C-alpha atoms as a PDB file:
ATOM      1  CA  MET A   1      35.728  99.060 123.742  1.00  0.00           C
ATOM      2  CA  ILE A   2      39.056  97.217 123.823  1.00  0.00           C
ATOM      3  CA  LEU A   3      40.842 100.406 124.843  1.00  0.00           C
ATOM      4  CA  ILE A   4      38.441 100.959 127.738  1.00  0.00           C
ATOM      5  CA  THR A   5      38.935  97.371 128.890  1.00  0.00           C
ATOM      6  CA  LEU A   6      42.725  97.769 128.759  1.00  0.00           C
ATOM      7  CA  TYR A   7      42.539 100.965 130.802  1.00  0.00           C
ATOM      8  CA  ILE A   8      40.385  99.246 133.432  1.00  0.00           C
ATOM      9  CA  ILE A   9      42.794  96.306 133.611  1.00  0.00           C
ATOM     10  CA  SER A  10      45.722  98.700 134.002  1.00  0.00           C
ATOM     11  CA  PHE A  11      44.140 100.081 137.184  1.00  0.00           C
ATOM     12  CA  PHE A  12      44.785  96.752 138.877  1.00  0.00           C
ATOM     13  CA  ILE A  13      48.269  96.084 137.482  1.00  0.00           C
ATOM     14  CA  ASN A  14      50.878  98.241 139.149  1.00  0.00           C
ATOM     15  CA  HIS A  15      53.808  97.822 136.766  1.00  0.00           C
ATOM     16  CA  TYR A  16      55.504 100.494 134.712  1.00  0.00           C
ATOM     17  CA  VAL A  17      55.506  98.436 131.495  1.00  0.00           C
ATOM     18  CA  SER A  18      51.747  97.931 131.586  1.00  0.00           C
ATOM     19  CA  GLU A  19      51.234 101.649 132.192  1.00  0.00           C
ATOM     20  CA  MET A  20      53.517 102.530 129.290  1.00  0.00           C
ATOM     21  CA  VAL A  21      51.885 100.047 126.905  1.00  0.00           C
ATOM     22  CA  ILE A  22      48.324 101.104 127.752  1.00  0.00           C
ATOM     23  CA  ASN A  23      49.114 104.800 127.391  1.00  0.00           C
ATOM     24  CA  ALA A  24      51.027 104.218 124.144  1.00  0.00           C
ATOM     25  CA  ILE A  25      48.050 102.331 122.693  1.00  0.00           C
ATOM     26  CA  GLY A  26      45.657 105.029 123.894  1.00  0.00           C
ATOM     27  CA  GLY A  27      47.879 107.792 122.535  1.00  0.00           C
ATOM     28  CA  SER A  28      48.149 106.076 119.167  1.00  0.00           C
ATOM     29  CA  PHE A  29      44.392 105.586 118.998  1.00  0.00           C
ATOM     30  CA  PHE A  30      43.621 109.189 119.857  1.00  0.00           C
ATOM     31  CA  MET A  31      46.321 110.383 117.450  1.00  0.00           C
ATOM     32  CA  MET A  32      44.638 108.486 114.596  1.00  0.00           C
ATOM     33  CA  VAL A  33      41.271 109.959 115.568  1.00  0.00           C
ATOM     34  CA  SER A  34      42.894 113.390 115.799  1.00  0.00           C
ATOM     35  CA  VAL A  35      44.348 113.155 112.300  1.00  0.00           C
ATOM     36  CA  THR A  36      40.957 112.129 110.924  1.00  0.00           C
ATOM     37  CA  TYR A  37      39.187 114.997 112.672  1.00  0.00           C
ATOM     38  CA  LEU A  38      41.890 117.516 111.735  1.00  0.00           C
ATOM     39  CA  PHE A  39      41.030 117.165 108.063  1.00  0.00           C
ATOM     40  CA  THR A  40      37.254 117.384 108.512  1.00  0.00           C
ATOM     41  CA  TYR A  41      36.749 119.419 111.721  1.00  0.00           C
ATOM     42  CA  PRO A  42      40.028 121.191 112.528  1.00  0.00           C
ATOM     43  CA  ASN A  43      38.859 122.817 115.768  1.00  0.00           C
ATOM     44  CA  ILE A  44      37.574 119.586 117.291  1.00  0.00           C
ATOM     45  CA  GLY A  45      40.569 117.563 116.115  1.00  0.00           C
ATOM     46  CA  ALA A  46      43.145 120.008 117.383  1.00  0.00           C
ATOM     47  CA  GLY A  47      41.193 121.073 120.433  1.00  0.00           C
ATOM     48  CA  ILE A  48      40.282 117.746 121.969  1.00  0.00           C
ATOM     49  CA  PHE A  49      41.864 114.661 120.466  1.00  0.00           C
ATOM     50  CA  LEU A  50      45.324 116.092 119.872  1.00  0.00           C
ATOM     51  CA  PHE A  51      45.707 117.152 123.496  1.00  0.00           C
ATOM     52  CA  VAL A  52      44.391 113.820 124.772  1.00  0.00           C
ATOM     53  CA  SER A  53      46.920 111.916 122.670  1.00  0.00           C
ATOM     54  CA  ILE A  54      49.756 114.196 123.766  1.00  0.00           C
ATOM     55  CA  TYR A  55      48.718 113.649 127.387  1.00  0.00           C
ATOM     56  CA  CYS A  56      48.799 109.857 126.874  1.00  0.00           C
ATOM     57  CA  PHE A  57      52.326 110.017 125.470  1.00  0.00           C
ATOM     58  CA  ARG A  58      53.314 112.327 128.339  1.00  0.00           C
ATOM     59  CA  GLN A  59      52.161 109.624 130.746  1.00  0.00           C
ATOM     60  CA  VAL A  60      54.443 107.124 128.973  1.00  0.00           C
ATOM     61  CA  TYR A  61      57.441 109.370 129.592  1.00  0.00           C
ATOM     62  CA  ARG A  62      56.421 109.984 133.194  1.00  0.00           C
ATOM     63  CA  ALA A  63      56.109 106.239 133.875  1.00  0.00           C
ATOM     64  CA  ASN A  64      59.526 105.630 132.371  1.00  0.00           C
ATOM     65  CA  ASN A  65      61.114 108.448 134.368  1.00  0.00           C
ATOM     66  CA  ARG A  66      59.477 107.257 137.589  1.00  0.00           C
ATOM     67  CA  HIS A  67      60.812 103.733 137.032  1.00  0.00           C
ATOM     68  CA  GLU A  68      64.332 105.020 136.295  1.00  0.00           C
ATOM     69  CA  PHE A  69      64.233 107.207 139.421  1.00  0.00           C
ATOM     70  CA  GLN A  70      63.238 104.170 141.511  1.00  0.00           C
ATOM     71  CA  LYS A  71      66.127 102.151 140.077  1.00  0.00           C
ATOM     72  CA  VAL A  72      68.622 104.940 140.765  1.00  0.00           C
ATOM     73  CA  SER A  73      67.381 105.517 144.306  1.00  0.00           C
ATOM     74  CA  LYS A  74      67.541 101.767 145.024  1.00  0.00           C
ATOM     75  CA  LEU A  75      71.116 101.617 143.751  1.00  0.00           C
ATOM     76  CA  LYS A  76      72.071 104.686 145.817  1.00  0.00           C
ATOM     77  CA  HIS A  77      70.484 103.100 148.864  1.00  0.00           C
ATOM     78  CA  ASP A  78      72.373  99.851 148.278  1.00  0.00           C
ATOM     79  CA  LEU A  79      75.662 101.685 147.832  1.00  0.00           C
ATOM     80  CA  SER A  80      75.177 103.821 150.929  1.00  0.00           C
ATOM     81  CA  ASN A  81      74.485 100.787 153.127  1.00  0.00           C
ATOM     82  CA  VAL A  82      77.438  98.656 152.105  1.00  0.00           C
ATOM     83  CA  GLU A  83      80.487  98.293 154.270  1.00  0.00           C
ATOM     84  CA  ASP A  84      84.028  98.559 152.955  1.00  0.00           C
ATOM     85  CA  GLY A  85      84.365  94.807 152.534  1.00  0.00           C
ATOM     86  CA  GLU A  86      81.109  94.491 150.614  1.00  0.00           C
ATOM     87  CA  PHE A  87      81.939  97.384 148.298  1.00  0.00           C
ATOM     88  CA  LYS A  88      84.277  95.121 146.324  1.00  0.00           C
ATOM     89  CA  LYS A  89      81.348  93.424 144.590  1.00  0.00           C
ATOM     90  CA  TYR A  90      80.473  96.738 142.908  1.00  0.00           C
ATOM     91  CA  THR A  91      83.959  97.429 141.590  1.00  0.00           C
ATOM     92  CA  VAL A  92      85.564  96.049 138.448  1.00  0.00           C
ATOM     93  CA  ASN A  93      88.234  93.399 138.985  1.00  0.00           C
ATOM     94  CA  LYS A  94      91.498  94.245 137.262  1.00  0.00           C
END
């Protein structure tokens, strides 16, 4: 029930950290369920819960990559719009 509530809250929060935390918690939960089912019902454990947990962890990596791409594109945009005089703030003083 707590996991469902966290997922619903994450729909309204548009931040990469919240997306990563929610998916990491969900992936960990489904991984624990998967390990339990793997010992008793191997087909169900491997067929359903394992793939759901892998998908949750995949979403964590995708959120991180999306955030890093946004940071890089913002920095490229800032560097492309600077004039020669303003470029000095990005260089190292020697």
